Amino acid sequence: MSESTMTRRDFLRTTAAAAVVGSAGMPFLGRQAVKKEAKVVLTRHRNVVDADWKLNKQIIDEMIDEAVTVLFDVKTPGDAWKKMVNPSDIVGIKTNVWRYLRTPQDLEQTMKSRLVAAGVQEKNIGIDDRGVLFNPVFTQATALINVRPMRAHNWSGVGGCLKNYIMFTQSPPDYHSDSCVNLGALWKLPHVHGKTRLNVLLMLTPQFHCTGPHHFDKEHTWLYKGMIVGTDPVAVDAVGLKIIEARRKEYFKEESPMRPPVTHIAAAERKHGIGVADLNKIEIVRLGWKEGALI
């Protein structure tokens, strides 16, 4: 379906060569061979969504299939899903239903079908957002899939995979202080901790600017036509934030930091120890359409 900027074979060849040169007395190239601490897949396709925001289901299915195959370094999408879940799992797909920029229902159903194909019983799969605390599948879940669109956010600067779990607490306002710096703590809640098998940050039509609570203006979105996929929510959000920041600079013709400032992504690593926020430690595998990637 797509062409990778750096294939897995190219990556291995590059790191092996760097290790040889480094051992010959060139420490800079040797440092390039240091293994990254997190891996994400950035996949894009120029035809996945059109100017009217109509989604091409076949293409988005191909994108998620290729992304998980590369992420888990296996031969087929089915192999990837079988690495994520077991037939005995009870799986909650944590979606996002914000009316202006929701998780596409076609993608939700595709993920459900992939889980069924991996052996999970359909009755043991739930799709929910605001009702996760009361949904019987989620209250018994042994595995979670986290998928939502990226957008500017009035309280946390951006809303990504980390913030998508705020509905797992009975009191979301408790996490709103200081630019939602403690969103990482959500991932240590007993009914969440250690259960997330996949994070998908949708960058199909991301929102890069807002001016108040629940504010939306299509002018402040753009057709990026991508998604970022990984097992580490911090790494996924860090890459998404970098793209949002680049788009803001492009749009406003100058450096334009998020308001409020984004503090929760770095704090998730530094304070809560749940992932990798440093882009220098994240391997980004790029698949598909390259124009306007901004990273």
Protein backbone atom coordinates (compact mmCIF):
# COMPACT_ATOMS: atom_id res chain seq x y z
CA MET A 1 0.00 0.00 0.00
CA SER A 2 2.74 2.48 0.85
CA GLU A 3 6.42 3.14 0.70
CA SER A 4 8.42 3.47 3.92
CA THR A 5 10.94 6.30 4.17
CA MET A 6 13.15 3.90 6.12
CA THR A 7 12.29 0.23 5.91
CA ARG A 8 13.11 -2.16 8.72
CA ARG A 9 15.90 -3.61 6.56
CA ASP A 10 17.31 -0.11 5.90
CA PHE A 11 17.19 0.68 9.61
CA LEU A 12 19.08 -2.46 10.56
CA ARG A 13 21.63 -1.86 7.79
CA THR A 14 22.16 1.74 8.93
CA THR A 15 22.61 0.91 12.59
CA ALA A 16 24.95 -1.98 11.81
CA ALA A 17 27.11 0.25 9.61
CA ALA A 18 27.19 2.98 12.25
CA ALA A 19 28.32 0.50 14.88
CA VAL A 20 31.25 -0.61 12.68
CA VAL A 21 32.36 2.96 11.97
CA GLY A 22 31.98 3.94 15.62
CA SER A 23 34.23 1.08 16.69
CA ALA A 24 36.83 2.40 14.22
CA GLY A 25 37.09 5.67 16.11
CA MET A 26 34.16 7.84 15.01
CA PRO A 27 32.03 8.29 18.16
CA PHE A 28 29.41 10.55 16.51
CA LEU A 29 28.31 7.87 14.05
CA GLY A 30 28.62 5.31 16.81
CA ARG A 31 26.05 7.22 18.84
CA GLN A 32 23.59 6.88 15.96
CA ALA A 33 23.62 3.14 16.55
CA VAL A 34 22.28 3.47 20.10
CA LYS A 35 18.97 1.66 20.32
CA LYS A 36 15.91 3.89 20.62
CA GLU A 37 13.76 3.46 23.71
CA ALA A 38 10.38 3.68 21.96
CA LYS A 39 9.02 3.06 18.48
CA VAL A 40 6.10 4.62 16.68
CA VAL A 41 4.81 4.29 13.15
CA LEU A 42 3.72 7.42 11.30
CA THR A 43 1.61 6.43 8.31
CA ARG A 44 -0.05 8.77 5.81
CA HIS A 45 -2.01 8.43 2.57
CA ARG A 46 -3.01 11.31 0.32
CA ASN A 47 -6.42 9.76 -0.45
CA VAL A 48 -7.53 8.54 2.98
CA VAL A 49 -9.80 11.56 3.48
CA ASP A 50 -11.07 14.08 0.95
CA ALA A 51 -11.66 17.82 1.14
CA ASP A 52 -15.15 17.22 2.56
CA TRP A 53 -13.65 15.02 5.31
CA LYS A 54 -15.15 11.87 3.80
CA LEU A 55 -13.10 8.90 4.92
CA ASN A 56 -11.99 6.17 2.52
CA LYS A 57 -12.57 3.06 4.62
CA GLN A 58 -10.52 0.74 2.46
CA ILE A 59 -7.48 2.98 2.71
CA ILE A 60 -7.71 3.56 6.46
CA ASP A 61 -8.05 -0.20 6.94
CA GLU A 62 -4.88 -0.68 4.88
CA MET A 63 -3.11 2.01 6.89
CA ILE A 64 -3.84 0.49 10.29
CA ASP A 65 -3.04 -3.00 9.00
CA GLU A 66 0.36 -1.95 7.65
CA ALA A 67 1.14 0.16 10.71
CA VAL A 68 0.61 -2.65 13.23
CA THR A 69 2.50 -5.10 11.05
CA VAL A 70 5.54 -2.82 11.02
CA LEU A 71 5.16 -1.82 14.67
CA PHE A 72 5.25 -5.42 15.88
CA ASP A 73 7.72 -6.52 13.18
CA VAL A 74 5.62 -9.44 11.97
CA LYS A 75 4.56 -10.73 8.57
CA THR A 76 0.81 -10.06 8.60
CA PRO A 77 -1.71 -7.81 10.37
CA GLY A 78 -3.28 -10.90 11.88
CA ASP A 79 0.03 -11.81 13.46
CA ALA A 80 0.23 -8.32 14.95
CA TRP A 81 -3.22 -8.50 16.55
CA LYS A 82 -2.42 -11.93 17.95
CA LYS A 83 0.62 -10.41 19.63
CA MET A 84 -1.64 -7.80 21.23
CA VAL A 85 -4.47 -10.00 22.49
CA ASN A 86 -5.38 -13.56 23.42
CA PRO A 87 -8.72 -15.29 22.75
CA SER A 88 -9.42 -15.17 26.49
CA ASP A 89 -9.06 -11.37 26.67
CA ILE A 90 -11.89 -8.95 27.35
CA VAL A 91 -11.07 -5.88 25.27
CA GLY A 92 -12.24 -2.29 25.55
CA ILE A 93 -11.69 0.03 22.59
CA LYS A 94 -11.44 3.48 24.18
CA THR A 95 -12.65 5.86 21.54
CA ASN A 96 -13.48 9.58 21.54
CA VAL A 97 -16.88 10.97 20.59
CA TRP A 98 -16.28 14.74 20.69
CA ARG A 99 -18.84 15.87 18.13
CA TYR A 100 -16.53 18.08 16.06
CA LEU A 101 -13.68 15.61 15.67
CA ARG A 102 -14.60 12.09 16.73
CA THR A 103 -12.93 8.74 16.18
CA PRO A 104 -14.34 7.43 12.87
CA GLN A 105 -16.86 4.69 13.46
CA ASP A 106 -15.52 2.83 10.44
CA LEU A 107 -12.15 2.54 12.16
CA GLU A 108 -13.77 1.42 15.40
CA GLN A 109 -15.52 -1.40 13.56
CA THR A 110 -12.34 -2.35 11.72
CA MET A 111 -10.52 -2.71 15.02
CA LYS A 112 -13.35 -4.79 16.41
CA SER A 113 -13.23 -7.08 13.38
CA ARG A 114 -9.46 -7.49 13.74
CA LEU A 115 -9.90 -8.48 17.38
CA VAL A 116 -12.54 -11.06 16.44
CA ALA A 117 -10.22 -12.44 13.77
CA ALA A 118 -7.53 -12.75 16.45
CA GLY A 119 -9.86 -14.99 18.45
CA VAL A 120 -11.49 -12.59 20.91
CA GLN A 121 -15.19 -13.32 21.38
CA GLU A 122 -17.40 -10.54 20.03
CA LYS A 123 -19.32 -10.38 23.31
CA ASN A 124 -16.01 -9.58 25.03
CA ILE A 125 -15.31 -6.49 22.92
CA GLY A 126 -16.66 -3.05 23.86
CA ILE A 127 -16.39 0.36 22.20
CA ASP A 128 -16.99 3.34 24.47
CA ASP A 129 -15.82 6.78 25.55
CA ARG A 130 -17.77 8.58 28.25
CA GLY A 131 -19.36 5.47 29.71
CA VAL A 132 -16.24 3.39 30.33
CA LEU A 133 -16.63 3.40 34.11
CA PHE A 134 -20.04 1.74 33.83
CA ASN A 135 -19.63 -0.36 30.69
CA PRO A 136 -19.47 -4.03 31.78
CA VAL A 137 -16.86 -4.87 29.16
CA PHE A 138 -14.56 -2.09 30.36
CA THR A 139 -15.08 -2.86 34.04
CA GLN A 140 -13.89 -6.42 33.36
CA ALA A 141 -11.38 -5.57 30.64
CA THR A 142 -8.04 -7.35 30.52
CA ALA A 143 -6.87 -5.35 27.48
CA LEU A 144 -7.44 -1.86 26.10
CA ILE A 145 -7.06 -0.31 22.65
CA ASN A 146 -6.77 3.49 22.73
CA VAL A 147 -7.77 5.47 19.63
CA ARG A 148 -8.64 9.15 19.21
CA PRO A 149 -8.02 12.24 17.04
CA MET A 150 -5.35 14.78 17.98
CA ARG A 151 -6.58 18.29 18.75
CA ALA A 152 -5.72 21.51 20.51
CA HIS A 153 -7.23 21.59 23.98
CA ASN A 154 -8.15 24.50 26.22
CA TRP A 155 -6.98 22.85 29.45
CA SER A 156 -4.06 20.61 28.45
CA GLY A 157 -2.73 22.37 25.34
CA VAL A 158 -3.39 19.26 23.26
CA GLY A 159 -5.64 16.28 23.66
CA GLY A 160 -4.03 13.02 22.59
CA CYS A 161 -3.74 9.41 23.69
CA LEU A 162 -2.69 10.30 27.23
CA LYS A 163 -5.68 12.54 27.82
CA ASN A 164 -8.09 10.06 26.25
CA TYR A 165 -8.07 8.10 29.50
CA ILE A 166 -9.48 10.95 31.59
CA MET A 167 -12.89 9.25 31.44
CA PHE A 168 -11.46 6.42 33.55
CA THR A 169 -11.67 8.66 36.61
CA GLN A 170 -14.86 9.66 38.38
CA SER A 171 -13.57 13.20 38.76
CA PRO A 172 -11.89 14.52 35.57
CA PRO A 173 -11.58 18.09 37.00
CA ASP A 174 -9.06 16.72 39.51
CA TYR A 175 -6.63 16.44 36.59
CA HIS A 176 -7.21 19.89 35.07
CA SER A 177 -4.85 21.97 37.20
CA ASP A 178 -1.51 23.26 35.89
CA SER A 179 -2.25 22.45 32.23
CA CYS A 180 -3.34 18.92 33.20
CA VAL A 181 0.24 18.11 34.13
CA ASN A 182 -0.74 14.90 35.95
CA LEU A 183 -2.60 13.13 33.15
CA GLY A 184 0.09 10.47 33.30
CA ALA A 185 -1.26 9.41 36.68
CA LEU A 186 -4.42 8.16 34.96
CA TRP A 187 -2.36 5.37 33.45
CA LYS A 188 -1.57 4.02 36.91
CA LEU A 189 -5.20 3.63 37.96
CA PRO A 190 -5.87 -0.05 38.87
CA HIS A 191 -8.47 -0.55 36.13
CA VAL A 192 -6.06 0.86 33.50
CA HIS A 193 -2.52 0.04 34.58
CA GLY A 194 -0.68 -2.32 32.24
CA LYS A 195 -3.71 -3.10 30.05
CA THR A 196 -3.15 -0.92 26.97
CA ARG A 197 -1.97 -2.93 23.98
CA LEU A 198 -2.13 -0.26 21.26
CA ASN A 199 -2.40 3.53 20.96
CA VAL A 200 -3.60 5.14 17.74
CA LEU A 201 -3.39 8.93 17.52
CA LEU A 202 -5.42 9.99 14.52
CA MET A 203 -3.91 12.81 12.48
CA LEU A 204 -6.43 12.72 9.64
CA THR A 205 -7.74 16.28 10.14
CA PRO A 206 -6.03 17.41 13.37
CA GLN A 207 -6.94 20.66 15.10
CA PHE A 208 -3.90 22.82 15.84
CA HIS A 209 -5.49 25.84 17.57
CA CYS A 210 -8.40 26.65 19.86
CA THR A 211 -9.54 29.74 21.75
CA GLY A 212 -11.66 28.37 24.59
CA PRO A 213 -13.39 25.34 26.11
CA HIS A 214 -14.80 23.03 23.43
CA HIS A 215 -13.95 25.61 20.74
CA PHE A 216 -13.81 24.34 17.19
CA ASP A 217 -13.15 26.12 13.92
CA LYS A 218 -12.45 24.12 10.76
CA GLU A 219 -10.03 26.87 9.76
CA HIS A 220 -7.75 25.57 12.49
CA THR A 221 -7.62 22.02 11.14
CA TRP A 222 -5.78 20.68 8.13
CA LEU A 223 -5.73 17.58 5.96
CA TYR A 224 -2.65 15.87 7.35
CA LYS A 225 -4.12 12.48 6.40
CA GLY A 226 -2.17 10.37 8.83
CA MET A 227 -2.07 8.40 12.05
CA ILE A 228 0.60 7.67 14.64
CA VAL A 229 0.61 4.16 16.06
CA GLY A 230 2.57 2.77 19.00
CA THR A 231 2.48 0.87 22.26
CA ASP A 232 3.83 3.87 24.21
CA PRO A 233 1.20 6.64 24.59
CA VAL A 234 3.82 9.18 25.64
CA ALA A 235 5.92 8.62 22.52
CA VAL A 236 2.86 8.71 20.28
CA ASP A 237 1.71 12.03 21.79
CA ALA A 238 5.23 13.51 21.68
CA VAL A 239 5.43 12.92 17.94
CA GLY A 240 1.91 14.28 17.43
CA LEU A 241 2.76 17.41 19.42
CA LYS A 242 5.84 18.04 17.30
CA ILE A 243 3.70 17.96 14.17
CA ILE A 244 1.09 20.29 15.71
CA GLU A 245 3.83 22.76 16.71
CA ALA A 246 5.27 22.70 13.19
CA ARG A 247 1.83 23.37 11.71
CA ARG A 248 1.28 26.30 14.05
CA LYS A 249 4.57 27.86 12.96
CA GLU A 250 3.62 27.31 9.33
CA TYR A 251 0.14 28.82 9.80
CA PHE A 252 0.99 31.76 12.07
CA LYS A 253 4.30 32.54 10.26
CA GLU A 254 6.21 32.51 13.54
CA GLU A 255 6.87 30.38 16.59
CA SER A 256 3.53 29.98 18.34
CA PRO A 257 3.62 27.83 21.49
CA MET A 258 0.44 26.10 22.55
CA ARG A 259 -1.76 27.95 25.03
CA PRO A 260 -1.92 26.66 27.65
CA PRO A 261 1.55 25.14 27.46
CA VAL A 262 1.75 21.38 27.02
CA THR A 263 3.31 20.02 30.22
CA HIS A 264 1.68 16.61 30.63
CA ILE A 265 3.62 14.72 27.95
CA ALA A 266 7.07 15.40 29.39
CA ALA A 267 5.69 14.97 32.92
CA ALA A 268 4.31 11.55 32.02
CA GLU A 269 7.88 10.39 31.47
CA ARG A 270 9.69 12.49 34.07
CA LYS A 271 7.16 12.39 36.92
CA HIS A 272 5.06 9.29 36.31
CA GLY A 273 7.53 7.06 34.48
CA ILE A 274 5.08 5.64 31.96
CA GLY A 275 6.77 6.30 28.60
CA VAL A 276 9.28 8.19 26.48
CA ALA A 277 8.77 11.87 25.63
CA ASP A 278 12.24 12.68 24.28
CA LEU A 279 12.08 12.62 20.48
CA ASN A 280 15.77 11.72 20.35
CA LYS A 281 14.87 8.41 22.00
CA ILE A 282 11.93 7.61 19.72
CA GLU A 283 12.32 5.65 16.50
CA ILE A 284 9.83 7.04 13.98
CA VAL A 285 9.09 4.67 11.10
CA ARG A 286 7.50 6.65 8.27
CA LEU A 287 5.14 4.96 5.84
CA GLY A 288 3.36 6.29 2.79
CA TRP A 289 2.79 9.86 1.66
CA LYS A 290 5.74 12.11 2.58
CA GLU A 291 4.70 15.58 1.37
CA GLY A 292 4.05 18.00 4.23
CA ALA A 293 4.97 15.52 6.96
CA LEU A 294 6.33 18.34 9.20
CA ILE A 295 8.62 15.98 11.13
